[in-house]
Amino acid sequence: MADSQGNTGTQDVEYNLISIAYHALQGAETYDQYIQDAEQSGNRDLAQFFRDVKDENKRRADRAKQLLGQSLGNRQSQASGGGSR
């Protein structure tokens, strides 16, 4: 499978996974303010929506971290001659 290449010219799946995790967690942190704003305005539905979005971002970050671990493990295995990819 070919690595993706964007505007940065980077062809590194580990970088991409780190970027996904970072941005997902950064978004999740930002949503705390959105939740607080919605709660202060008394809009429970909107506050719950922001909680759901925050949870989705946390799950996305966790999945990216899991895949990063697998990718790094595969790379280490290949470097030591143990992998066939």
PDB file of N, CA and C in Angstrom:
ATOM      1  N   MET A   1       0.845  -1.181   0.000  1.00  0.00           N
ATOM      2  CA  MET A   1       0.000   0.000   0.000  1.00  0.00           C
ATOM      3  C   MET A   1       0.886   1.237   0.000  1.00  0.00           C
ATOM      4  N   ALA A   2       0.589   2.163  -0.855  1.00  0.00           N
ATOM      5  CA  ALA A   2       1.396   3.380  -0.961  1.00  0.00           C
ATOM      6  C   ALA A   2       1.055   4.337   0.164  1.00  0.00           C
ATOM      7  N   ASP A   3       2.071   5.007   0.676  1.00  0.00           N
ATOM      8  CA  ASP A   3       1.856   6.027   1.694  1.00  0.00           C
ATOM      9  C   ASP A   3       1.190   7.236   1.056  1.00  0.00           C
ATOM     10  N   SER A   4       0.406   7.958   1.854  1.00  0.00           N
ATOM     11  CA  SER A   4      -0.241   9.162   1.343  1.00  0.00           C
ATOM     12  C   SER A   4       0.754  10.304   1.291  1.00  0.00           C
ATOM     13  N   GLN A   5       0.502  11.205   0.386  1.00  0.00           N
ATOM     14  CA  GLN A   5       1.359  12.380   0.272  1.00  0.00           C
ATOM     15  C   GLN A   5       0.461  13.582   0.067  1.00  0.00           C
ATOM     16  N   GLY A   6       0.565  14.534   0.969  1.00  0.00           N
ATOM     17  CA  GLY A   6      -0.255  15.737   0.885  1.00  0.00           C
ATOM     18  C   GLY A   6       0.576  16.929   0.500  1.00  0.00           C
ATOM     19  N   ASN A   7       0.111  18.084   0.899  1.00  0.00           N
ATOM     20  CA  ASN A   7       0.801  19.323   0.580  1.00  0.00           C
ATOM     21  C   ASN A   7       2.176  19.418   1.217  1.00  0.00           C
ATOM     22  N   THR A   8       2.405  18.649   2.281  1.00  0.00           N
ATOM     23  CA  THR A   8       3.701  18.699   2.958  1.00  0.00           C
ATOM     24  C   THR A   8       4.764  17.910   2.212  1.00  0.00           C
ATOM     25  N   GLY A   9       4.332  17.030   1.318  1.00  0.00           N
ATOM     26  CA  GLY A   9       5.282  16.176   0.631  1.00  0.00           C
ATOM     27  C   GLY A   9       5.720  14.994   1.480  1.00  0.00           C
ATOM     28  N   THR A  10       5.141  14.846   2.661  1.00  0.00           N
ATOM     29  CA  THR A  10       5.506  13.783   3.583  1.00  0.00           C
ATOM     30  C   THR A  10       4.865  12.475   3.145  1.00  0.00           C
ATOM     31  N   GLN A  11       5.659  11.424   3.126  1.00  0.00           N
ATOM     32  CA  GLN A  11       5.142  10.090   2.805  1.00  0.00           C
ATOM     33  C   GLN A  11       5.400   9.188   3.999  1.00  0.00           C
ATOM     34  N   ASP A  12       4.814   9.512   5.117  1.00  0.00           N
ATOM     35  CA  ASP A  12       5.121   8.801   6.344  1.00  0.00           C
ATOM     36  C   ASP A  12       3.827   8.525   7.092  1.00  0.00           C
ATOM     37  N   VAL A  13       3.396   7.261   7.097  1.00  0.00           N
ATOM     38  CA  VAL A  13       2.120   6.942   7.747  1.00  0.00           C
ATOM     39  C   VAL A  13       2.163   7.198   9.244  1.00  0.00           C
ATOM     40  N   GLU A  14       3.323   7.034   9.873  1.00  0.00           N
ATOM     41  CA  GLU A  14       3.411   7.322  11.304  1.00  0.00           C
ATOM     42  C   GLU A  14       3.135   8.795  11.569  1.00  0.00           C
ATOM     43  N   TYR A  15       3.686   9.660  10.758  1.00  0.00           N
ATOM     44  CA  TYR A  15       3.415  11.102  10.897  1.00  0.00           C
ATOM     45  C   TYR A  15       1.915  11.357  10.749  1.00  0.00           C
ATOM     46  N   ASN A  16       1.290  10.715   9.787  1.00  0.00           N
ATOM     47  CA  ASN A  16      -0.139  10.920   9.549  1.00  0.00           C
ATOM     48  C   ASN A  16      -0.956  10.476  10.759  1.00  0.00           C
ATOM     49  N   LEU A  17      -0.609   9.344  11.335  1.00  0.00           N
ATOM     50  CA  LEU A  17      -1.326   8.850  12.511  1.00  0.00           C
ATOM     51  C   LEU A  17      -1.124   9.759  13.715  1.00  0.00           C
ATOM     52  N   ILE A  18       0.092  10.250  13.894  1.00  0.00           N
ATOM     53  CA  ILE A  18       0.363  11.192  14.985  1.00  0.00           C
ATOM     54  C   ILE A  18      -0.456  12.460  14.787  1.00  0.00           C
ATOM     55  N   SER A  19      -0.526  12.916  13.560  1.00  0.00           N
ATOM     56  CA  SER A  19      -1.290  14.125  13.250  1.00  0.00           C
ATOM     57  C   SER A  19      -2.773  13.933  13.541  1.00  0.00           C
ATOM     58  N   ILE A  20      -3.314  12.789  13.147  1.00  0.00           N
ATOM     59  CA  ILE A  20      -4.723  12.499  13.426  1.00  0.00           C
ATOM     60  C   ILE A  20      -4.968  12.497  14.931  1.00  0.00           C
ATOM     61  N   ALA A  21      -4.110  11.798  15.678  1.00  0.00           N
ATOM     62  CA  ALA A  21      -4.271  11.726  17.137  1.00  0.00           C
ATOM     63  C   ALA A  21      -4.186  13.120  17.750  1.00  0.00           C
ATOM     64  N   TYR A  22      -3.210  13.892  17.337  1.00  0.00           N
ATOM     65  CA  TYR A  22      -3.022  15.239  17.888  1.00  0.00           C
ATOM     66  C   TYR A  22      -4.256  16.104  17.639  1.00  0.00           C
ATOM     67  N   HIS A  23      -4.703  16.146  16.395  1.00  0.00           N
ATOM     68  CA  HIS A  23      -5.821  17.018  16.061  1.00  0.00           C
ATOM     69  C   HIS A  23      -7.126  16.543  16.707  1.00  0.00           C
ATOM     70  N   ALA A  24      -7.303  15.231  16.821  1.00  0.00           N
ATOM     71  CA  ALA A  24      -8.501  14.722  17.480  1.00  0.00           C
ATOM     72  C   ALA A  24      -8.509  15.113  18.954  1.00  0.00           C
ATOM     73  N   LEU A  25      -7.363  14.972  19.614  1.00  0.00           N
ATOM     74  CA  LEU A  25      -7.288  15.329  21.031  1.00  0.00           C
ATOM     75  C   LEU A  25      -7.386  16.834  21.233  1.00  0.00           C
ATOM     76  N   GLN A  26      -6.816  17.591  20.328  1.00  0.00           N
ATOM     77  CA  GLN A  26      -6.916  19.058  20.410  1.00  0.00           C
ATOM     78  C   GLN A  26      -8.382  19.470  20.274  1.00  0.00           C
ATOM     79  N   GLY A  27      -9.093  18.845  19.336  1.00  0.00           N
ATOM     80  CA  GLY A  27     -10.513  19.134  19.176  1.00  0.00           C
ATOM     81  C   GLY A  27     -11.303  18.756  20.411  1.00  0.00           C
ATOM     82  N   ALA A  28     -11.008  17.582  20.963  1.00  0.00           N
ATOM     83  CA  ALA A  28     -11.709  17.134  22.162  1.00  0.00           C
ATOM     84  C   ALA A  28     -11.530  18.126  23.299  1.00  0.00           C
ATOM     85  N   GLU A  29     -10.337  18.663  23.425  1.00  0.00           N
ATOM     86  CA  GLU A  29     -10.076  19.654  24.473  1.00  0.00           C
ATOM     87  C   GLU A  29     -10.884  20.924  24.218  1.00  0.00           C
ATOM     88  N   THR A  30     -10.946  21.343  22.978  1.00  0.00           N
ATOM     89  CA  THR A  30     -11.690  22.552  22.613  1.00  0.00           C
ATOM     90  C   THR A  30     -13.180  22.387  22.889  1.00  0.00           C
ATOM     91  N   TYR A  31     -13.698  21.168  22.693  1.00  0.00           N
ATOM     92  CA  TYR A  31     -15.123  20.941  22.870  1.00  0.00           C
ATOM     93  C   TYR A  31     -15.566  21.121  24.309  1.00  0.00           C
ATOM     94  N   ASP A  32     -14.642  21.031  25.253  1.00  0.00           N
ATOM     95  CA  ASP A  32     -15.006  21.303  26.649  1.00  0.00           C
ATOM     96  C   ASP A  32     -15.594  22.706  26.785  1.00  0.00           C
ATOM     97  N   GLN A  33     -15.013  23.659  26.092  1.00  0.00           N
ATOM     98  CA  GLN A  33     -15.534  25.026  26.142  1.00  0.00           C
ATOM     99  C   GLN A  33     -16.910  25.100  25.498  1.00  0.00           C
ATOM    100  N   TYR A  34     -17.090  24.378  24.392  1.00  0.00           N
ATOM    101  CA  TYR A  34     -18.398  24.370  23.723  1.00  0.00           C
ATOM    102  C   TYR A  34     -19.459  23.765  24.640  1.00  0.00           C
ATOM    103  N   ILE A  35     -19.089  22.702  25.342  1.00  0.00           N
ATOM    104  CA  ILE A  35     -20.017  22.051  26.274  1.00  0.00           C
ATOM    105  C   ILE A  35     -20.409  23.031  27.371  1.00  0.00           C
ATOM    106  N   GLN A  36     -19.414  23.700  27.924  1.00  0.00           N
ATOM    107  CA  GLN A  36     -19.676  24.671  28.996  1.00  0.00           C
ATOM    108  C   GLN A  36     -20.580  25.803  28.500  1.00  0.00           C
ATOM    109  N   ASP A  37     -20.304  26.299  27.303  1.00  0.00           N
ATOM    110  CA  ASP A  37     -21.138  27.366  26.741  1.00  0.00           C
ATOM    111  C   ASP A  37     -22.584  26.909  26.571  1.00  0.00           C
ATOM    112  N   ALA A  38     -22.772  25.700  26.052  1.00  0.00           N
ATOM    113  CA  ALA A  38     -24.127  25.179  25.848  1.00  0.00           C
ATOM    114  C   ALA A  38     -24.841  24.981  27.177  1.00  0.00           C
ATOM    115  N   GLU A  39     -24.108  24.473  28.173  1.00  0.00           N
ATOM    116  CA  GLU A  39     -24.718  24.278  29.496  1.00  0.00           C
ATOM    117  C   GLU A  39     -25.106  25.611  30.119  1.00  0.00           C
ATOM    118  N   GLN A  40     -24.245  26.599  29.974  1.00  0.00           N
ATOM    119  CA  GLN A  40     -24.551  27.919  30.540  1.00  0.00           C
ATOM    120  C   GLN A  40     -25.758  28.551  29.867  1.00  0.00           C
ATOM    121  N   SER A  41     -25.971  28.226  28.601  1.00  0.00           N
ATOM    122  CA  SER A  41     -27.139  28.772  27.907  1.00  0.00           C
ATOM    123  C   SER A  41     -28.392  27.938  28.156  1.00  0.00           C
ATOM    124  N   GLY A  42     -28.206  26.815  28.876  1.00  0.00           N
ATOM    125  CA  GLY A  42     -29.343  25.972  29.206  1.00  0.00           C
ATOM    126  C   GLY A  42     -29.746  25.015  28.099  1.00  0.00           C
ATOM    127  N   ASN A  43     -28.923  24.855  27.093  1.00  0.00           N
ATOM    128  CA  ASN A  43     -29.252  23.997  25.966  1.00  0.00           C
ATOM    129  C   ASN A  43     -28.632  22.610  26.171  1.00  0.00           C
ATOM    130  N   ARG A  44     -29.406  21.736  26.783  1.00  0.00           N
ATOM    131  CA  ARG A  44     -28.916  20.386  27.109  1.00  0.00           C
ATOM    132  C   ARG A  44     -28.650  19.547  25.859  1.00  0.00           C
ATOM    133  N   ASP A  45     -29.520  19.688  24.854  1.00  0.00           N
ATOM    134  CA  ASP A  45     -29.331  18.918  23.616  1.00  0.00           C
ATOM    135  C   ASP A  45     -28.013  19.281  22.941  1.00  0.00           C
ATOM    136  N   LEU A  46     -27.735  20.563  22.891  1.00  0.00           N
ATOM    137  CA  LEU A  46     -26.488  21.005  22.268  1.00  0.00           C
ATOM    138  C   LEU A  46     -25.280  20.568  23.086  1.00  0.00           C
ATOM    139  N   ALA A  47     -25.384  20.647  24.405  1.00  0.00           N
ATOM    140  CA  ALA A  47     -24.285  20.194  25.267  1.00  0.00           C
ATOM    141  C   ALA A  47     -24.027  18.710  25.050  1.00  0.00           C
ATOM    142  N   GLN A  48     -25.089  17.915  24.912  1.00  0.00           N
ATOM    143  CA  GLN A  48     -24.922  16.474  24.668  1.00  0.00           C
ATOM    144  C   GLN A  48     -24.301  16.229  23.301  1.00  0.00           C
ATOM    145  N   PHE A  49     -24.704  16.993  22.317  1.00  0.00           N
ATOM    146  CA  PHE A  49     -24.101  16.865  20.983  1.00  0.00           C
ATOM    147  C   PHE A  49     -22.597  17.104  21.056  1.00  0.00           C
ATOM    148  N   PHE A  50     -22.188  18.155  21.760  1.00  0.00           N
ATOM    149  CA  PHE A  50     -20.761  18.441  21.888  1.00  0.00           C
ATOM    150  C   PHE A  50     -20.037  17.333  22.660  1.00  0.00           C
ATOM    151  N   ARG A  51     -20.692  16.757  23.657  1.00  0.00           N
ATOM    152  CA  ARG A  51     -20.104  15.622  24.383  1.00  0.00           C
ATOM    153  C   ARG A  51     -19.899  14.429  23.439  1.00  0.00           C
ATOM    154  N   ASP A  52     -20.901  14.188  22.598  1.00  0.00           N
ATOM    155  CA  ASP A  52     -20.805  13.083  21.643  1.00  0.00           C
ATOM    156  C   ASP A  52     -19.656  13.301  20.659  1.00  0.00           C
ATOM    157  N   VAL A  53     -19.530  14.522  20.169  1.00  0.00           N
ATOM    158  CA  VAL A  53     -18.450  14.839  19.240  1.00  0.00           C
ATOM    159  C   VAL A  53     -17.098  14.682  19.934  1.00  0.00           C
ATOM    160  N   LYS A  54     -17.022  15.127  21.174  1.00  0.00           N
ATOM    161  CA  LYS A  54     -15.786  14.978  21.947  1.00  0.00           C
ATOM    162  C   LYS A  54     -15.430  13.502  22.107  1.00  0.00           C
ATOM    163  N   ASP A  55     -16.418  12.681  22.439  1.00  0.00           N
ATOM    164  CA  ASP A  55     -16.184  11.247  22.598  1.00  0.00           C
ATOM    165  C   ASP A  55     -15.721  10.610  21.288  1.00  0.00           C
ATOM    166  N   GLU A  56     -16.322  11.020  20.177  1.00  0.00           N
ATOM    167  CA  GLU A  56     -15.900  10.504  18.870  1.00  0.00           C
ATOM    168  C   GLU A  56     -14.433  10.854  18.600  1.00  0.00           C
ATOM    169  N   ASN A  57     -14.043  12.067  18.935  1.00  0.00           N
ATOM    170  CA  ASN A  57     -12.652  12.473  18.726  1.00  0.00           C
ATOM    171  C   ASN A  57     -11.703  11.678  19.617  1.00  0.00           C
ATOM    172  N   LYS A  58     -12.124  11.424  20.854  1.00  0.00           N
ATOM    173  CA  LYS A  58     -11.290  10.612  21.743  1.00  0.00           C
ATOM    174  C   LYS A  58     -11.110   9.206  21.182  1.00  0.00           C
ATOM    175  N   ARG A  59     -12.203   8.622  20.680  1.00  0.00           N
ATOM    176  CA  ARG A  59     -12.115   7.280  20.080  1.00  0.00           C
ATOM    177  C   ARG A  59     -11.204   7.298  18.850  1.00  0.00           C
ATOM    178  N   ARG A  60     -11.322   8.330  18.053  1.00  0.00           N
ATOM    179  CA  ARG A  60     -10.481   8.464  16.858  1.00  0.00           C
ATOM    180  C   ARG A  60      -9.010   8.557  17.261  1.00  0.00           C
ATOM    181  N   ALA A  61      -8.714   9.325  18.288  1.00  0.00           N
ATOM    182  CA  ALA A  61      -7.330   9.462  18.758  1.00  0.00           C
ATOM    183  C   ALA A  61      -6.822   8.132  19.302  1.00  0.00           C
ATOM    184  N   ASP A  62      -7.660   7.416  20.060  1.00  0.00           N
ATOM    185  CA  ASP A  62      -7.251   6.113  20.591  1.00  0.00           C
ATOM    186  C   ASP A  62      -6.967   5.127  19.466  1.00  0.00           C
ATOM    187  N   ARG A  63      -7.794   5.137  18.441  1.00  0.00           N
ATOM    188  CA  ARG A  63      -7.580   4.231  17.300  1.00  0.00           C
ATOM    189  C   ARG A  63      -6.291   4.590  16.569  1.00  0.00           C
ATOM    190  N   ALA A  64      -6.038   5.866  16.394  1.00  0.00           N
ATOM    191  CA  ALA A  64      -4.798   6.301  15.740  1.00  0.00           C
ATOM    192  C   ALA A  64      -3.583   5.859  16.553  1.00  0.00           C
ATOM    193  N   LYS A  65      -3.670   5.976  17.869  1.00  0.00           N
ATOM    194  CA  LYS A  65      -2.555   5.533  18.721  1.00  0.00           C
ATOM    195  C   LYS A  65      -2.345   4.028  18.609  1.00  0.00           C
ATOM    196  N   GLN A  66      -3.448   3.280  18.566  1.00  0.00           N
ATOM    197  CA  GLN A  66      -3.348   1.833  18.414  1.00  0.00           C
ATOM    198  C   GLN A  66      -2.678   1.472  17.084  1.00  0.00           C
ATOM    199  N   LEU A  67      -3.120   2.093  16.011  1.00  0.00           N
ATOM    200  CA  LEU A  67      -2.544   1.822  14.697  1.00  0.00           C
ATOM    201  C   LEU A  67      -1.084   2.262  14.626  1.00  0.00           C
ATOM    202  N   LEU A  68      -0.758   3.355  15.306  1.00  0.00           N
ATOM    203  CA  LEU A  68       0.627   3.809  15.341  1.00  0.00           C
ATOM    204  C   LEU A  68       1.509   2.767  16.018  1.00  0.00           C
ATOM    205  N   GLY A  69       1.033   2.228  17.131  1.00  0.00           N
ATOM    206  CA  GLY A  69       1.783   1.186  17.822  1.00  0.00           C
ATOM    207  C   GLY A  69       2.011  -0.022  16.928  1.00  0.00           C
ATOM    208  N   GLN A  70       0.964  -0.416  16.197  1.00  0.00           N
ATOM    209  CA  GLN A  70       1.099  -1.548  15.280  1.00  0.00           C
ATOM    210  C   GLN A  70       2.092  -1.237  14.170  1.00  0.00           C
ATOM    211  N   SER A  71       1.999  -0.045  13.618  1.00  0.00           N
ATOM    212  CA  SER A  71       2.897   0.341  12.530  1.00  0.00           C
ATOM    213  C   SER A  71       4.345   0.375  12.993  1.00  0.00           C
ATOM    214  N   LEU A  72       4.565   0.948  14.166  1.00  0.00           N
ATOM    215  CA  LEU A  72       5.928   0.995  14.700  1.00  0.00           C
ATOM    216  C   LEU A  72       6.435  -0.405  15.030  1.00  0.00           C
ATOM    217  N   GLY A  73       5.541  -1.257  15.532  1.00  0.00           N
ATOM    218  CA  GLY A  73       5.915  -2.639  15.814  1.00  0.00           C
ATOM    219  C   GLY A  73       6.292  -3.382  14.542  1.00  0.00           C
ATOM    220  N   ASN A  74       5.512  -3.163  13.473  1.00  0.00           N
ATOM    221  CA  ASN A  74       5.822  -3.785  12.184  1.00  0.00           C
ATOM    222  C   ASN A  74       7.150  -3.294  11.648  1.00  0.00           C
ATOM    223  N   ARG A  75       7.386  -1.999  11.798  1.00  0.00           N
ATOM    224  CA  ARG A  75       8.640  -1.430  11.308  1.00  0.00           C
ATOM    225  C   ARG A  75       9.823  -2.030  12.069  1.00  0.00           C
ATOM    226  N   GLN A  76       9.675  -2.145  13.390  1.00  0.00           N
ATOM    227  CA  GLN A  76      10.753  -2.702  14.203  1.00  0.00           C
ATOM    228  C   GLN A  76      10.987  -4.167  13.844  1.00  0.00           C
ATOM    229  N   SER A  77       9.901  -4.894  13.623  1.00  0.00           N
ATOM    230  CA  SER A  77      10.011  -6.300  13.253  1.00  0.00           C
ATOM    231  C   SER A  77      10.716  -6.454  11.909  1.00  0.00           C
ATOM    232  N   GLN A  78      10.380  -5.594  10.943  1.00  0.00           N
ATOM    233  CA  GLN A  78      11.012  -5.637   9.632  1.00  0.00           C
ATOM    234  C   GLN A  78      12.496  -5.291   9.733  1.00  0.00           C
ATOM    235  N   ALA A  79      12.807  -4.324  10.577  1.00  0.00           N
ATOM    236  CA  ALA A  79      14.202  -3.903  10.716  1.00  0.00           C
ATOM    237  C   ALA A  79      15.069  -5.005  11.313  1.00  0.00           C
ATOM    238  N   SER A  80      14.442  -5.844  12.155  1.00  0.00           N
ATOM    239  CA  SER A  80      15.217  -6.921  12.772  1.00  0.00           C
ATOM    240  C   SER A  80      15.137  -8.208  11.949  1.00  0.00           C
ATOM    241  N   GLY A  81      14.465  -8.110  10.800  1.00  0.00           N
ATOM    242  CA  GLY A  81      14.398  -9.273   9.920  1.00  0.00           C
ATOM    243  C   GLY A  81      13.289 -10.238  10.241  1.00  0.00           C
ATOM    244  N   GLY A  82      12.383  -9.851  11.135  1.00  0.00           N
ATOM    245  CA  GLY A  82      11.336 -10.756  11.556  1.00  0.00           C
ATOM    246  C   GLY A  82      10.046 -10.620  10.811  1.00  0.00           C
ATOM    247  N   GLY A  83       9.890  -9.602   9.978  1.00  0.00           N
ATOM    248  CA  GLY A  83       8.613  -9.374   9.313  1.00  0.00           C
ATOM    249  C   GLY A  83       8.684  -9.683   7.848  1.00  0.00           C
ATOM    250  N   SER A  84       7.531  -9.921   7.253  1.00  0.00           N
ATOM    251  CA  SER A  84       7.467 -10.168   5.806  1.00  0.00           C
ATOM    252  C   SER A  84       6.382  -9.303   5.213  1.00  0.00           C
ATOM    253  N   ARG A  85       6.617  -8.036   5.075  1.00  0.00           N
ATOM    254  CA  ARG A  85       5.640  -7.098   4.519  1.00  0.00           C
ATOM    255  C   ARG A  85       6.181  -6.354   3.385  1.00  0.00           C
TER     256      ARG A  85
END
